[in-house]
Amino acid sequence: MLFPPAKLEELLTGIGAAIGVVGGSFRMRYTAVVVTAERTDAASRKATR
């Protein structure tokens, strides 16, 4: 845990208040990318040769 619960609550309340002062919302563009891989037995045998 990065912040104790009381400090996290204080931080989030402050952030919420700051967003409220400038209109109550904001847009954030982002892209999420997930890459997975699985090693097969064939790949394991080639790697050890």
Protein backbone atom coordinates (compact mmCIF):
# COMPACT_ATOMS: atom_id res chain seq x y z
CA MET A 1 0.00 0.00 0.00
CA LEU A 2 1.49 3.35 -1.04
CA PHE A 3 -0.55 5.52 1.33
CA PRO A 4 -2.20 4.82 4.66
CA PRO A 5 -6.02 4.84 4.30
CA ALA A 6 -6.47 8.23 6.01
CA LYS A 7 -3.83 9.89 3.80
CA LEU A 8 -5.30 8.30 0.66
CA GLU A 9 -8.76 9.63 1.57
CA GLU A 10 -7.31 13.12 2.11
CA LEU A 11 -5.47 12.97 -1.21
CA LEU A 12 -8.50 11.76 -3.19
CA THR A 13 -10.74 14.37 -1.57
CA GLY A 14 -8.29 17.10 -2.58
CA ILE A 15 -8.04 15.81 -6.14
CA GLY A 16 -11.83 15.65 -6.37
CA ALA A 17 -12.12 19.22 -5.12
CA ALA A 18 -9.54 20.45 -7.64
CA ILE A 19 -11.39 18.74 -10.50
CA GLY A 20 -14.67 20.21 -9.24
CA VAL A 21 -13.25 23.73 -9.32
CA VAL A 22 -12.44 23.48 -13.04
CA GLY A 23 -15.77 22.03 -14.13
CA GLY A 24 -16.16 18.66 -12.49
CA SER A 25 -14.73 16.38 -15.17
CA PHE A 26 -11.80 15.81 -17.48
CA ARG A 27 -11.00 13.64 -20.47
CA MET A 28 -8.01 11.39 -20.61
CA ARG A 29 -7.05 9.49 -23.73
CA TYR A 30 -5.11 6.29 -23.28
CA THR A 31 -4.37 2.99 -24.97
CA ALA A 32 -3.98 -0.25 -23.09
CA VAL A 33 -1.79 -2.97 -24.57
CA VAL A 34 -1.53 -6.50 -23.24
CA VAL A 35 0.98 -9.01 -24.57
CA THR A 36 1.13 -12.61 -23.46
CA ALA A 37 3.28 -15.54 -24.50
CA GLU A 38 3.44 -19.20 -23.71
CA ARG A 39 6.54 -21.30 -24.14
CA THR A 40 5.85 -24.67 -25.74
CA ASP A 41 7.90 -27.82 -25.35
CA ALA A 42 9.18 -27.46 -28.94
CA ALA A 43 10.41 -23.94 -28.23
CA SER A 44 12.10 -25.14 -25.03
CA ARG A 45 13.99 -27.91 -26.89
CA LYS A 46 15.19 -25.51 -29.62
CA ALA A 47 16.41 -23.01 -27.03
CA THR A 48 18.59 -25.61 -25.27
CA ARG A 49 20.34 -26.87 -28.41
